[in-house]
Amino acid sequence: MSAQLNSLHKAQTRHWKGAAPIDSARAVPQSRVLDSAHILAGQREVIIEHEGVVYRLRHTKNGKLILTK
């Protein structure tokens, strides 16, 4: 393991006084993966309301996704 990775690993597993120990063997929950084609359902744009704020998710001509408020 390189020195930089080793240092990062030590920093992640360091125990602070009063903190619960870190169980490096425990699996970190994975984020849910959604396919953009499923979200857009054949459209170029969808409107998403989040906590009372409206966002627009657009699929551009260049194949990128842009989320705007």
PDB file of N, CA and C in Angstrom:
ATOM      1  N   MET A   1       0.867  -1.179   0.000  1.00  0.00           N
ATOM      2  CA  MET A   1       0.000   0.000   0.000  1.00  0.00           C
ATOM      3  C   MET A   1       0.904   1.230   0.000  1.00  0.00           C
ATOM      4  N   SER A   2       0.567   2.224  -0.837  1.00  0.00           N
ATOM      5  CA  SER A   2       1.407   3.417  -0.892  1.00  0.00           C
ATOM      6  C   SER A   2       1.309   4.193   0.418  1.00  0.00           C
ATOM      7  N   ALA A   3       2.291   5.035   0.651  1.00  0.00           N
ATOM      8  CA  ALA A   3       2.313   5.825   1.890  1.00  0.00           C
ATOM      9  C   ALA A   3       1.096   6.723   1.995  1.00  0.00           C
ATOM     10  N   GLN A   4       0.679   7.301   0.862  1.00  0.00           N
ATOM     11  CA  GLN A   4      -0.479   8.206   0.871  1.00  0.00           C
ATOM     12  C   GLN A   4      -1.754   7.438   1.217  1.00  0.00           C
ATOM     13  N   LEU A   5      -1.959   6.254   0.601  1.00  0.00           N
ATOM     14  CA  LEU A   5      -3.134   5.453   0.911  1.00  0.00           C
ATOM     15  C   LEU A   5      -3.095   4.958   2.347  1.00  0.00           C
ATOM     16  N   ASN A   6      -1.921   4.571   2.810  1.00  0.00           N
ATOM     17  CA  ASN A   6      -1.773   4.117   4.178  1.00  0.00           C
ATOM     18  C   ASN A   6      -2.134   5.225   5.160  1.00  0.00           C
ATOM     19  N   SER A   7      -1.684   6.441   4.860  1.00  0.00           N
ATOM     20  CA  SER A   7      -1.997   7.590   5.702  1.00  0.00           C
ATOM     21  C   SER A   7      -3.493   7.864   5.719  1.00  0.00           C
ATOM     22  N   LEU A   8      -4.133   7.783   4.543  1.00  0.00           N
ATOM     23  CA  LEU A   8      -5.576   7.994   4.450  1.00  0.00           C
ATOM     24  C   LEU A   8      -6.320   6.940   5.252  1.00  0.00           C
ATOM     25  N   HIS A   9      -5.885   5.675   5.129  1.00  0.00           N
ATOM     26  CA  HIS A   9      -6.523   4.592   5.873  1.00  0.00           C
ATOM     27  C   HIS A   9      -6.411   4.829   7.373  1.00  0.00           C
ATOM     28  N   LYS A  10      -5.236   5.247   7.837  1.00  0.00           N
ATOM     29  CA  LYS A  10      -5.052   5.523   9.265  1.00  0.00           C
ATOM     30  C   LYS A  10      -5.960   6.657   9.714  1.00  0.00           C
ATOM     31  N   ALA A  11      -6.104   7.696   8.888  1.00  0.00           N
ATOM     32  CA  ALA A  11      -6.963   8.828   9.249  1.00  0.00           C
ATOM     33  C   ALA A  11      -8.418   8.394   9.336  1.00  0.00           C
ATOM     34  N   GLN A  12      -8.844   7.492   8.442  1.00  0.00           N
ATOM     35  CA  GLN A  12     -10.231   7.040   8.447  1.00  0.00           C
ATOM     36  C   GLN A  12     -10.530   6.123   9.616  1.00  0.00           C
ATOM     37  N   THR A  13      -9.539   5.407  10.113  1.00  0.00           N
ATOM     38  CA  THR A  13      -9.787   4.455  11.188  1.00  0.00           C
ATOM     39  C   THR A  13      -9.333   4.975  12.546  1.00  0.00           C
ATOM     40  N   ARG A  14      -8.911   6.236  12.603  1.00  0.00           N
ATOM     41  CA  ARG A  14      -8.468   6.831  13.868  1.00  0.00           C
ATOM     42  C   ARG A  14      -9.659   6.927  14.828  1.00  0.00           C
ATOM     43  N   HIS A  15      -9.410   6.656  16.074  1.00  0.00           N
ATOM     44  CA  HIS A  15     -10.460   6.719  17.093  1.00  0.00           C
ATOM     45  C   HIS A  15     -10.263   7.978  17.926  1.00  0.00           C
ATOM     46  N   TRP A  16     -11.296   8.773  18.024  1.00  0.00           N
ATOM     47  CA  TRP A  16     -11.254   9.983  18.836  1.00  0.00           C
ATOM     48  C   TRP A  16     -11.829   9.666  20.207  1.00  0.00           C
ATOM     49  N   LYS A  17     -11.325  10.357  21.228  1.00  0.00           N
ATOM     50  CA  LYS A  17     -11.777  10.133  22.605  1.00  0.00           C
ATOM     51  C   LYS A  17     -13.285  10.340  22.677  1.00  0.00           C
ATOM     52  N   GLY A  18     -13.992   9.354  23.179  1.00  0.00           N
ATOM     53  CA  GLY A  18     -15.435   9.438  23.335  1.00  0.00           C
ATOM     54  C   GLY A  18     -16.210   9.012  22.106  1.00  0.00           C
ATOM     55  N   ALA A  19     -15.537   8.800  20.976  1.00  0.00           N
ATOM     56  CA  ALA A  19     -16.233   8.404  19.753  1.00  0.00           C
ATOM     57  C   ALA A  19     -16.319   6.883  19.689  1.00  0.00           C
ATOM     58  N   ALA A  20     -17.353   6.415  19.047  1.00  0.00           N
ATOM     59  CA  ALA A  20     -17.492   4.977  18.860  1.00  0.00           C
ATOM     60  C   ALA A  20     -16.416   4.497  17.890  1.00  0.00           C
ATOM     61  N   PRO A  21     -15.857   3.330  18.116  1.00  0.00           N
ATOM     62  CA  PRO A  21     -14.842   2.817  17.200  1.00  0.00           C
ATOM     63  C   PRO A  21     -15.428   2.573  15.807  1.00  0.00           C
ATOM     64  N   ILE A  22     -14.591   2.759  14.810  1.00  0.00           N
ATOM     65  CA  ILE A  22     -15.014   2.555  13.428  1.00  0.00           C
ATOM     66  C   ILE A  22     -14.797   1.093  13.083  1.00  0.00           C
ATOM     67  N   ASP A  23     -15.838   0.445  12.585  1.00  0.00           N
ATOM     68  CA  ASP A  23     -15.739  -0.948  12.167  1.00  0.00           C
ATOM     69  C   ASP A  23     -15.467  -0.970  10.670  1.00  0.00           C
ATOM     70  N   SER A  24     -14.182  -1.103  10.291  1.00  0.00           N
ATOM     71  CA  SER A  24     -13.821  -1.051   8.881  1.00  0.00           C
ATOM     72  C   SER A  24     -14.338  -2.259   8.118  1.00  0.00           C
ATOM     73  N   ALA A  25     -14.740  -3.317   8.797  1.00  0.00           N
ATOM     74  CA  ALA A  25     -15.251  -4.499   8.119  1.00  0.00           C
ATOM     75  C   ALA A  25     -16.730  -4.362   7.775  1.00  0.00           C
ATOM     76  N   ARG A  26     -17.411  -3.409   8.422  1.00  0.00           N
ATOM     77  CA  ARG A  26     -18.836  -3.233   8.186  1.00  0.00           C
ATOM     78  C   ARG A  26     -19.047  -2.608   6.806  1.00  0.00           C
ATOM     79  N   ALA A  27     -19.999  -3.134   6.053  1.00  0.00           N
ATOM     80  CA  ALA A  27     -20.271  -2.623   4.709  1.00  0.00           C
ATOM     81  C   ALA A  27     -20.975  -1.272   4.799  1.00  0.00           C
ATOM     82  N   VAL A  28     -20.555  -0.348   3.962  1.00  0.00           N
ATOM     83  CA  VAL A  28     -21.183   0.967   3.877  1.00  0.00           C
ATOM     84  C   VAL A  28     -22.404   0.828   2.977  1.00  0.00           C
ATOM     85  N   PRO A  29     -23.564   1.342   3.402  1.00  0.00           N
ATOM     86  CA  PRO A  29     -24.748   1.231   2.547  1.00  0.00           C
ATOM     87  C   PRO A  29     -24.500   1.881   1.187  1.00  0.00           C
ATOM     88  N   GLN A  30     -24.914   1.212   0.144  1.00  0.00           N
ATOM     89  CA  GLN A  30     -24.735   1.719  -1.204  1.00  0.00           C
ATOM     90  C   GLN A  30     -25.901   2.621  -1.578  1.00  0.00           C
ATOM     91  N   SER A  31     -25.603   3.639  -2.382  1.00  0.00           N
ATOM     92  CA  SER A  31     -26.646   4.519  -2.893  1.00  0.00           C
ATOM     93  C   SER A  31     -27.462   3.773  -3.934  1.00  0.00           C
ATOM     94  N   ARG A  32     -28.704   4.107  -4.009  1.00  0.00           N
ATOM     95  CA  ARG A  32     -29.585   3.506  -5.010  1.00  0.00           C
ATOM     96  C   ARG A  32     -29.224   4.072  -6.375  1.00  0.00           C
ATOM     97  N   VAL A  33     -29.138   3.246  -7.384  1.00  0.00           N
ATOM     98  CA  VAL A  33     -28.791   3.677  -8.734  1.00  0.00           C
ATOM     99  C   VAL A  33     -30.038   3.624  -9.607  1.00  0.00           C
ATOM    100  N   LEU A  34     -30.353   4.755 -10.226  1.00  0.00           N
ATOM    101  CA  LEU A  34     -31.486   4.839 -11.140  1.00  0.00           C
ATOM    102  C   LEU A  34     -30.968   5.173 -12.534  1.00  0.00           C
ATOM    103  N   ASP A  35     -31.470   4.487 -13.537  1.00  0.00           N
ATOM    104  CA  ASP A  35     -31.088   4.762 -14.905  1.00  0.00           C
ATOM    105  C   ASP A  35     -31.783   6.043 -15.368  1.00  0.00           C
ATOM    106  N   SER A  36     -31.032   6.944 -16.004  1.00  0.00           N
ATOM    107  CA  SER A  36     -31.614   8.212 -16.449  1.00  0.00           C
ATOM    108  C   SER A  36     -32.753   7.999 -17.434  1.00  0.00           C
ATOM    109  N   ALA A  37     -32.674   6.948 -18.257  1.00  0.00           N
ATOM    110  CA  ALA A  37     -33.748   6.659 -19.211  1.00  0.00           C
ATOM    111  C   ALA A  37     -35.046   6.354 -18.467  1.00  0.00           C
ATOM    112  N   HIS A  38     -34.926   5.702 -17.320  1.00  0.00           N
ATOM    113  CA  HIS A  38     -36.107   5.408 -16.501  1.00  0.00           C
ATOM    114  C   HIS A  38     -36.683   6.698 -15.914  1.00  0.00           C
ATOM    115  N   ILE A  39     -35.823   7.566 -15.441  1.00  0.00           N
ATOM    116  CA  ILE A  39     -36.273   8.830 -14.839  1.00  0.00           C
ATOM    117  C   ILE A  39     -36.921   9.728 -15.886  1.00  0.00           C
ATOM    118  N   LEU A  40     -36.287   9.846 -17.041  1.00  0.00           N
ATOM    119  CA  LEU A  40     -36.789  10.736 -18.089  1.00  0.00           C
ATOM    120  C   LEU A  40     -37.947  10.130 -18.878  1.00  0.00           C
ATOM    121  N   ALA A  41     -38.058   8.824 -18.906  1.00  0.00           N
ATOM    122  CA  ALA A  41     -39.151   8.108 -19.571  1.00  0.00           C
ATOM    123  C   ALA A  41     -39.426   8.632 -20.983  1.00  0.00           C
ATOM    124  N   GLY A  42     -38.365   8.768 -21.776  1.00  0.00           N
ATOM    125  CA  GLY A  42     -38.516   9.188 -23.166  1.00  0.00           C
ATOM    126  C   GLY A  42     -38.620  10.688 -23.375  1.00  0.00           C
ATOM    127  N   GLN A  43     -38.627  11.460 -22.311  1.00  0.00           N
ATOM    128  CA  GLN A  43     -38.722  12.913 -22.409  1.00  0.00           C
ATOM    129  C   GLN A  43     -37.330  13.532 -22.341  1.00  0.00           C
ATOM    130  N   ARG A  44     -37.202  14.779 -22.765  1.00  0.00           N
ATOM    131  CA  ARG A  44     -35.920  15.489 -22.668  1.00  0.00           C
ATOM    132  C   ARG A  44     -35.801  16.224 -21.337  1.00  0.00           C
ATOM    133  N   GLU A  45     -36.905  16.321 -20.596  1.00  0.00           N
ATOM    134  CA  GLU A  45     -36.915  17.126 -19.379  1.00  0.00           C
ATOM    135  C   GLU A  45     -37.959  16.593 -18.412  1.00  0.00           C
ATOM    136  N   VAL A  46     -37.630  16.629 -17.122  1.00  0.00           N
ATOM    137  CA  VAL A  46     -38.611  16.321 -16.076  1.00  0.00           C
ATOM    138  C   VAL A  46     -38.524  17.410 -15.015  1.00  0.00           C
ATOM    139  N   ILE A  47     -39.627  17.637 -14.371  1.00  0.00           N
ATOM    140  CA  ILE A  47     -39.694  18.604 -13.276  1.00  0.00           C
ATOM    141  C   ILE A  47     -39.698  17.806 -11.979  1.00  0.00           C
ATOM    142  N   ILE A  48     -38.843  18.213 -11.043  1.00  0.00           N
ATOM    143  CA  ILE A  48     -38.721  17.542  -9.755  1.00  0.00           C
ATOM    144  C   ILE A  48     -39.025  18.563  -8.662  1.00  0.00           C
ATOM    145  N   GLU A  49     -39.971  18.221  -7.797  1.00  0.00           N
ATOM    146  CA  GLU A  49     -40.248  19.084  -6.652  1.00  0.00           C
ATOM    147  C   GLU A  49     -39.586  18.469  -5.441  1.00  0.00           C
ATOM    148  N   HIS A  50     -38.768  19.274  -4.760  1.00  0.00           N
ATOM    149  CA  HIS A  50     -38.059  18.809  -3.576  1.00  0.00           C
ATOM    150  C   HIS A  50     -38.200  19.851  -2.479  1.00  0.00           C
ATOM    151  N   GLU A  51     -38.870  19.461  -1.399  1.00  0.00           N
ATOM    152  CA  GLU A  51     -39.093  20.341  -0.245  1.00  0.00           C
ATOM    153  C   GLU A  51     -39.669  21.685  -0.657  1.00  0.00           C
ATOM    154  N   GLY A  52     -40.659  21.642  -1.555  1.00  0.00           N
ATOM    155  CA  GLY A  52     -41.352  22.857  -1.976  1.00  0.00           C
ATOM    156  C   GLY A  52     -40.633  23.666  -3.043  1.00  0.00           C
ATOM    157  N   VAL A  53     -39.467  23.221  -3.477  1.00  0.00           N
ATOM    158  CA  VAL A  53     -38.704  23.920  -4.506  1.00  0.00           C
ATOM    159  C   VAL A  53     -38.755  23.087  -5.783  1.00  0.00           C
ATOM    160  N   VAL A  54     -38.972  23.774  -6.916  1.00  0.00           N
ATOM    161  CA  VAL A  54     -39.080  23.091  -8.196  1.00  0.00           C
ATOM    162  C   VAL A  54     -37.735  23.112  -8.909  1.00  0.00           C
ATOM    163  N   TYR A  55     -37.301  21.943  -9.365  1.00  0.00           N
ATOM    164  CA  TYR A  55     -36.058  21.785 -10.119  1.00  0.00           C
ATOM    165  C   TYR A  55     -36.402  21.217 -11.491  1.00  0.00           C
ATOM    166  N   ARG A  56     -35.534  21.472 -12.452  1.00  0.00           N
ATOM    167  CA  ARG A  56     -35.704  20.961 -13.815  1.00  0.00           C
ATOM    168  C   ARG A  56     -34.479  20.116 -14.156  1.00  0.00           C
ATOM    169  N   LEU A  57     -34.707  18.867 -14.518  1.00  0.00           N
ATOM    170  CA  LEU A  57     -33.635  17.977 -14.958  1.00  0.00           C
ATOM    171  C   LEU A  57     -33.763  17.838 -16.473  1.00  0.00           C
ATOM    172  N   ARG A  58     -32.726  18.284 -17.191  1.00  0.00           N
ATOM    173  CA  ARG A  58     -32.765  18.272 -18.656  1.00  0.00           C
ATOM    174  C   ARG A  58     -31.674  17.372 -19.222  1.00  0.00           C
ATOM    175  N   HIS A  59     -32.027  16.678 -20.301  1.00  0.00           N
ATOM    176  CA  HIS A  59     -31.073  15.886 -21.065  1.00  0.00           C
ATOM    177  C   HIS A  59     -30.679  16.739 -22.265  1.00  0.00           C
ATOM    178  N   THR A  60     -29.395  17.127 -22.347  1.00  0.00           N
ATOM    179  CA  THR A  60     -28.956  18.033 -23.406  1.00  0.00           C
ATOM    180  C   THR A  60     -28.699  17.289 -24.716  1.00  0.00           C
ATOM    181  N   LYS A  61     -28.527  18.059 -25.785  1.00  0.00           N
ATOM    182  CA  LYS A  61     -28.192  17.491 -27.096  1.00  0.00           C
ATOM    183  C   LYS A  61     -26.858  16.754 -27.053  1.00  0.00           C
ATOM    184  N   ASN A  62     -25.968  17.169 -26.142  1.00  0.00           N
ATOM    185  CA  ASN A  62     -24.653  16.548 -26.009  1.00  0.00           C
ATOM    186  C   ASN A  62     -24.662  15.320 -25.098  1.00  0.00           C
ATOM    187  N   GLY A  63     -25.844  14.913 -24.640  1.00  0.00           N
ATOM    188  CA  GLY A  63     -25.951  13.711 -23.814  1.00  0.00           C
ATOM    189  C   GLY A  63     -25.667  13.924 -22.337  1.00  0.00           C
ATOM    190  N   LYS A  64     -25.621  15.171 -21.906  1.00  0.00           N
ATOM    191  CA  LYS A  64     -25.354  15.465 -20.495  1.00  0.00           C
ATOM    192  C   LYS A  64     -26.669  15.734 -19.778  1.00  0.00           C
ATOM    193  N   LEU A  65     -26.630  15.650 -18.457  1.00  0.00           N
ATOM    194  CA  LEU A  65     -27.789  16.005 -17.638  1.00  0.00           C
ATOM    195  C   LEU A  65     -27.492  17.295 -16.905  1.00  0.00           C
ATOM    196  N   ILE A  66     -28.490  18.190 -16.900  1.00  0.00           N
ATOM    197  CA  ILE A  66     -28.347  19.460 -16.186  1.00  0.00           C
ATOM    198  C   ILE A  66     -29.534  19.595 -15.239  1.00  0.00           C
ATOM    199  N   LEU A  67     -29.232  19.863 -13.977  1.00  0.00           N
ATOM    200  CA  LEU A  67     -30.262  20.100 -12.971  1.00  0.00           C
ATOM    201  C   LEU A  67     -30.227  21.576 -12.604  1.00  0.00           C
ATOM    202  N   THR A  68     -31.347  22.269 -12.810  1.00  0.00           N
ATOM    203  CA  THR A  68     -31.418  23.695 -12.487  1.00  0.00           C
ATOM    204  C   THR A  68     -32.580  23.957 -11.541  1.00  0.00           C
ATOM    205  N   LYS A  69     -32.452  25.014 -10.800  1.00  0.00           N
ATOM    206  CA  LYS A  69     -33.468  25.430  -9.846  1.00  0.00           C
ATOM    207  C   LYS A  69     -34.420  26.385 -10.512  1.00  0.00           C
TER     208      LYS A  69
END
